[in-house]
C-alpha atoms as a PDB file:
ATOM      1  CA  MET A   1      -5.248 -25.422   6.519  1.00  0.00           C
ATOM      2  CA  THR A   2      -3.489 -25.432   3.193  1.00  0.00           C
ATOM      3  CA  THR A   3      -1.710 -28.085   1.240  1.00  0.00           C
ATOM      4  CA  PRO A   4       2.025 -27.866   1.733  1.00  0.00           C
ATOM      5  CA  THR A   5       3.818 -27.797  -1.584  1.00  0.00           C
ATOM      6  CA  ALA A   6       7.437 -28.546  -2.324  1.00  0.00           C
ATOM      7  CA  THR A   7       7.930 -25.504  -4.505  1.00  0.00           C
ATOM      8  CA  VAL A   8       6.548 -22.038  -4.768  1.00  0.00           C
ATOM      9  CA  PRO A   9       4.942 -21.431  -8.170  1.00  0.00           C
ATOM     10  CA  ALA A  10       6.641 -18.810 -10.346  1.00  0.00           C
ATOM     11  CA  GLU A  11       3.389 -16.874 -10.372  1.00  0.00           C
ATOM     12  CA  LEU A  12       3.633 -16.487  -6.587  1.00  0.00           C
ATOM     13  CA  ASN A  13       7.104 -15.011  -7.004  1.00  0.00           C
ATOM     14  CA  ARG A  14       5.477 -12.414  -9.283  1.00  0.00           C
ATOM     15  CA  VAL A  15       3.020 -11.598  -6.491  1.00  0.00           C
ATOM     16  CA  ILE A  16       5.892 -11.160  -4.042  1.00  0.00           C
ATOM     17  CA  THR A  17       7.786  -8.966  -6.516  1.00  0.00           C
ATOM     18  CA  LEU A  18       4.721  -6.758  -6.954  1.00  0.00           C
ATOM     19  CA  LEU A  19       4.260  -6.516  -3.174  1.00  0.00           C
ATOM     20  CA  LEU A  20       7.863  -5.382  -2.817  1.00  0.00           C
ATOM     21  CA  THR A  21       7.492  -2.960  -5.742  1.00  0.00           C
ATOM     22  CA  ASN A  22       4.451  -1.443  -4.035  1.00  0.00           C
ATOM     23  CA  LEU A  23       6.410  -1.152  -0.801  1.00  0.00           C
ATOM     24  CA  GLY A  24       9.317   0.458  -2.656  1.00  0.00           C
ATOM     25  CA  LEU A  25       7.045   3.053  -4.246  1.00  0.00           C
ATOM     26  CA  SER A  26       5.519   3.791  -0.837  1.00  0.00           C
ATOM     27  CA  ALA A  27       8.988   4.173   0.662  1.00  0.00           C
ATOM     28  CA  VAL A  28      10.087   6.572  -2.087  1.00  0.00           C
ATOM     29  CA  LEU A  29       6.959   8.670  -1.591  1.00  0.00           C
ATOM     30  CA  ALA A  30       7.423   8.648   2.189  1.00  0.00           C
ATOM     31  CA  ALA A  31      11.019   9.834   1.741  1.00  0.00           C
ATOM     32  CA  LEU A  32       9.835  12.599  -0.592  1.00  0.00           C
ATOM     33  CA  PHE A  33       7.201  13.568   1.987  1.00  0.00           C
ATOM     34  CA  ALA A  34       9.972  13.925   4.559  1.00  0.00           C
ATOM     35  CA  ILE A  35      12.275  15.860   2.202  1.00  0.00           C
ATOM     36  CA  PHE A  36       9.594  18.203   0.846  1.00  0.00           C
ATOM     37  CA  HIS A  37       7.581  18.376   4.060  1.00  0.00           C
ATOM     38  CA  ASN A  38       7.243  22.177   4.210  1.00  0.00           C
ATOM     39  CA  THR A  39       6.546  22.468   0.479  1.00  0.00           C
ATOM     40  CA  LEU A  40       3.754  19.915   0.775  1.00  0.00           C
ATOM     41  CA  LEU A  41       2.347  21.710   3.820  1.00  0.00           C
ATOM     42  CA  ASP A  42       2.336  24.991   1.905  1.00  0.00           C
ATOM     43  CA  HIS A  43       0.535  23.302  -0.995  1.00  0.00           C
ATOM     44  CA  GLN A  44      -2.062  21.771   1.320  1.00  0.00           C
ATOM     45  CA  MET A  45      -2.625  25.035   3.173  1.00  0.00           C
ATOM     46  CA  GLY A  46      -3.092  26.832  -0.147  1.00  0.00           C
ATOM     47  CA  ARG A  47      -5.679  24.263  -1.234  1.00  0.00           C
ATOM     48  CA  LEU A  48      -7.569  24.478   2.050  1.00  0.00           C
ATOM     49  CA  ALA A  49      -7.814  28.276   2.164  1.00  0.00           C
ATOM     50  CA  PRO A  50      -8.861  28.379   5.852  1.00  0.00           C
ATOM     51  CA  ALA A  51     -11.656  30.763   6.732  1.00  0.00           C
ATOM     52  CA  PRO A  52     -10.805  33.975   8.598  1.00  0.00           C
ATOM     53  CA  GLY A  53     -10.427  33.311  12.289  1.00  0.00           C
ATOM     54  CA  THR A  54      -9.226  29.738  11.772  1.00  0.00           C
ATOM     55  CA  ASP A  55      -6.242  28.735  13.877  1.00  0.00           C
ATOM     56  CA  VAL A  56      -3.861  28.347  10.935  1.00  0.00           C
ATOM     57  CA  ASP A  57      -1.066  26.990  13.124  1.00  0.00           C
ATOM     58  CA  ALA A  58      -3.323  24.217  14.423  1.00  0.00           C
ATOM     59  CA  VAL A  59      -4.419  23.319  10.886  1.00  0.00           C
ATOM     60  CA  ARG A  60      -0.800  23.270   9.705  1.00  0.00           C
ATOM     61  CA  THR A  61       0.187  21.103  12.672  1.00  0.00           C
ATOM     62  CA  GLY A  62      -2.605  18.644  11.871  1.00  0.00           C
ATOM     63  CA  LEU A  63      -1.519  18.446   8.244  1.00  0.00           C
ATOM     64  CA  SER A  64       2.087  17.986   9.347  1.00  0.00           C
ATOM     65  CA  VAL A  65       1.120  15.058  11.559  1.00  0.00           C
ATOM     66  CA  GLY A  66      -0.676  13.512   8.577  1.00  0.00           C
ATOM     67  CA  LEU A  67       2.437  13.768   6.419  1.00  0.00           C
ATOM     68  CA  TRP A  68       4.703  12.289   9.108  1.00  0.00           C
ATOM     69  CA  SER A  69       2.233   9.482   9.737  1.00  0.00           C
ATOM     70  CA  ARG A  70       2.776   8.396   6.133  1.00  0.00           C
ATOM     71  CA  VAL A  71       6.472   7.906   6.846  1.00  0.00           C
ATOM     72  CA  ILE A  72       5.784   5.914  10.022  1.00  0.00           C
ATOM     73  CA  THR A  73       3.106   3.827   8.292  1.00  0.00           C
ATOM     74  CA  VAL A  74       5.558   2.752   5.583  1.00  0.00           C
ATOM     75  CA  LEU A  75       8.010   1.557   8.253  1.00  0.00           C
ATOM     76  CA  VAL A  76       5.271  -0.494   9.942  1.00  0.00           C
ATOM     77  CA  VAL A  77       4.078  -1.923   6.624  1.00  0.00           C
ATOM     78  CA  ALA A  78       7.646  -2.952   5.754  1.00  0.00           C
ATOM     79  CA  VAL A  79       7.793  -5.086   8.895  1.00  0.00           C
ATOM     80  CA  VAL A  80       4.360  -6.566   8.176  1.00  0.00           C
ATOM     81  CA  TYR A  81       5.423  -7.408   4.596  1.00  0.00           C
ATOM     82  CA  VAL A  82       8.339  -9.505   5.882  1.00  0.00           C
ATOM     83  CA  PHE A  83       5.914 -11.757   7.758  1.00  0.00           C
ATOM     84  CA  LEU A  84       3.322 -11.675   4.965  1.00  0.00           C
ATOM     85  CA  ILE A  85       5.836 -12.809   2.352  1.00  0.00           C
ATOM     86  CA  ARG A  86       7.082 -15.572   4.640  1.00  0.00           C
ATOM     87  CA  GLN A  87       3.499 -16.791   5.078  1.00  0.00           C
ATOM     88  CA  LEU A  88       2.834 -16.589   1.329  1.00  0.00           C
ATOM     89  CA  ARG A  89       5.876 -18.754   0.622  1.00  0.00           C
ATOM     90  CA  ALA A  90       4.669 -21.220   3.265  1.00  0.00           C
ATOM     91  CA  GLY A  91       1.332 -21.501   1.454  1.00  0.00           C
ATOM     92  CA  LYS A  92      -0.782 -19.971   4.221  1.00  0.00           C
ATOM     93  CA  ARG A  93      -4.245 -19.152   2.904  1.00  0.00           C
ATOM     94  CA  ARG A  94      -4.652 -16.315   5.422  1.00  0.00           C
ATOM     95  CA  ALA A  95      -1.707 -14.523   3.793  1.00  0.00           C
ATOM     96  CA  PHE A  96      -3.362 -14.920   0.385  1.00  0.00           C
ATOM     97  CA  VAL A  97      -6.580 -13.367   1.721  1.00  0.00           C
ATOM     98  CA  ARG A  98      -4.589 -10.562   3.363  1.00  0.00           C
ATOM     99  CA  VAL A  99      -2.946  -9.705   0.041  1.00  0.00           C
ATOM    100  CA  LEU A 100      -6.372  -9.458  -1.591  1.00  0.00           C
ATOM    101  CA  ILE A 101      -7.703  -7.218   1.182  1.00  0.00           C
ATOM    102  CA  LEU A 102      -4.528  -5.129   1.276  1.00  0.00           C
ATOM    103  CA  SER A 103      -4.644  -4.569  -2.482  1.00  0.00           C
ATOM    104  CA  VAL A 104      -8.271  -3.469  -2.559  1.00  0.00           C
ATOM    105  CA  ALA A 105      -7.918  -1.239   0.519  1.00  0.00           C
ATOM    106  CA  SER A 106      -4.735   0.331  -0.859  1.00  0.00           C
ATOM    107  CA  LEU A 107      -6.426   1.057  -4.195  1.00  0.00           C
ATOM    108  CA  ALA A 108      -9.294   2.751  -2.372  1.00  0.00           C
ATOM    109  CA  GLY A 109      -6.864   4.852  -0.322  1.00  0.00           C
ATOM    110  CA  ILE A 110      -4.862   5.842  -3.381  1.00  0.00           C
ATOM    111  CA  ALA A 111      -8.025   6.805  -5.255  1.00  0.00           C
ATOM    112  CA  TYR A 112      -9.008   9.066  -2.362  1.00  0.00           C
ATOM    113  CA  LEU A 113      -5.570  10.692  -2.120  1.00  0.00           C
ATOM    114  CA  ALA A 114      -5.242  11.188  -5.869  1.00  0.00           C
ATOM    115  CA  LEU A 115      -8.736  12.653  -6.262  1.00  0.00           C
ATOM    116  CA  SER A 116      -8.747  14.762  -3.083  1.00  0.00           C
ATOM    117  CA  GLY A 117      -6.608  17.531  -4.567  1.00  0.00           C
ATOM    118  CA  GLN A 118      -4.515  17.683  -1.388  1.00  0.00           C
ATOM    119  CA  TYR A 119      -1.247  16.924  -3.119  1.00  0.00           C
ATOM    120  CA  PRO A 120       0.765  18.383  -6.008  1.00  0.00           C
ATOM    121  CA  TRP A 121       0.848  16.780  -9.449  1.00  0.00           C
ATOM    122  CA  TRP A 122       4.004  14.767  -8.803  1.00  0.00           C
ATOM    123  CA  VAL A 123       2.400  12.983  -5.843  1.00  0.00           C
ATOM    124  CA  VAL A 124      -0.672  12.196  -7.953  1.00  0.00           C
ATOM    125  CA  ILE A 125       1.539  10.722 -10.690  1.00  0.00           C
ATOM    126  CA  GLU A 126       3.308   8.511  -8.151  1.00  0.00           C
ATOM    127  CA  GLN A 127      -0.064   7.424  -6.789  1.00  0.00           C
ATOM    128  CA  ILE A 128      -1.248   6.500 -10.295  1.00  0.00           C
ATOM    129  CA  VAL A 129       1.897   4.415 -10.838  1.00  0.00           C
ATOM    130  CA  GLN A 130       1.346   2.742  -7.482  1.00  0.00           C
ATOM    131  CA  ALA A 131      -2.304   2.070  -8.386  1.00  0.00           C
ATOM    132  CA  LEU A 132      -1.153   0.350 -11.578  1.00  0.00           C
ATOM    133  CA  VAL A 133       1.178  -1.851  -9.525  1.00  0.00           C
ATOM    134  CA  LEU A 134      -1.716  -2.714  -7.196  1.00  0.00           C
ATOM    135  CA  VAL A 135      -3.972  -3.595 -10.133  1.00  0.00           C
ATOM    136  CA  ALA A 136      -1.193  -5.857 -11.453  1.00  0.00           C
ATOM    137  CA  LEU A 137      -0.895  -7.363  -7.954  1.00  0.00           C
ATOM    138  CA  LEU A 138      -4.629  -8.076  -7.843  1.00  0.00           C
ATOM    139  CA  TRP A 139      -4.410  -9.680 -11.266  1.00  0.00           C
ATOM    140  CA  ALA A 140      -1.380 -11.774 -10.299  1.00  0.00           C
ATOM    141  CA  VAL A 141      -2.772 -12.969  -6.977  1.00  0.00           C
ATOM    142  CA  THR A 142      -6.042 -14.090  -8.586  1.00  0.00           C
ATOM    143  CA  ARG A 143      -4.401 -16.262 -11.272  1.00  0.00           C
ATOM    144  CA  PRO A 144      -5.549 -19.903 -11.094  1.00  0.00           C
ATOM    145  CA  VAL A 145      -2.072 -21.238 -10.234  1.00  0.00           C
ATOM    146  CA  VAL A 146      -1.740 -18.814  -7.316  1.00  0.00           C
ATOM    147  CA  ARG A 147      -5.282 -19.425  -6.081  1.00  0.00           C
ATOM    148  CA  GLY A 148      -4.651 -23.160  -6.377  1.00  0.00           C
ATOM    149  CA  HIS A 149      -1.549 -22.850  -4.228  1.00  0.00           C
ATOM    150  CA  PHE A 150      -3.792 -21.556  -1.427  1.00  0.00           C
ATOM    151  CA  THR A 151      -6.748 -23.915  -1.822  1.00  0.00           C
ATOM    152  CA  PRO A 152      -7.946 -25.006   1.603  1.00  0.00           C
ATOM    153  CA  VAL A 153      -7.547 -28.683   2.418  1.00  0.00           C
ATOM    154  CA  LYS A 154     -10.737 -30.421   3.462  1.00  0.00           C
ATOM    155  CA  PRO A 155     -10.189 -32.773   6.388  1.00  0.00           C
ATOM    156  CA  LEU A 156     -10.575 -36.498   5.682  1.00  0.00           C
ATOM    157  CA  ARG A 157     -13.268 -38.288   7.645  1.00  0.00           C
END
């Protein structure tokens, strides 16, 4: 259980702003994935260079599903962020821990996507910008004032 506080520290508002900035960047990229879907598929197919005899249509379909899943994932994450931000403002320690886990996992995913060579340069640039936002988020959420806001309360005996 956490200590209820009358006000949310300004540093926590920075964390929330960075969460929303990360979500915004993800939404922009998801929209670009939808708009440039066929171009991205062509790029990915060119990078894969399937061996002779490979069912190219099946590979393309699989890649297409991957691109569309990005769009759907952003919609799900947007809903989750609404609840996460509400819990952060309420001082729930579990939300604080979730932000830490989310930031680290997102950085790992971005590193994989950026280094995999699956996407064109403009996607990699967006991913680098998003990684910088996530690093800033990790920094902001680990500031002493923010950590202190989520310090667990020890029960009195």
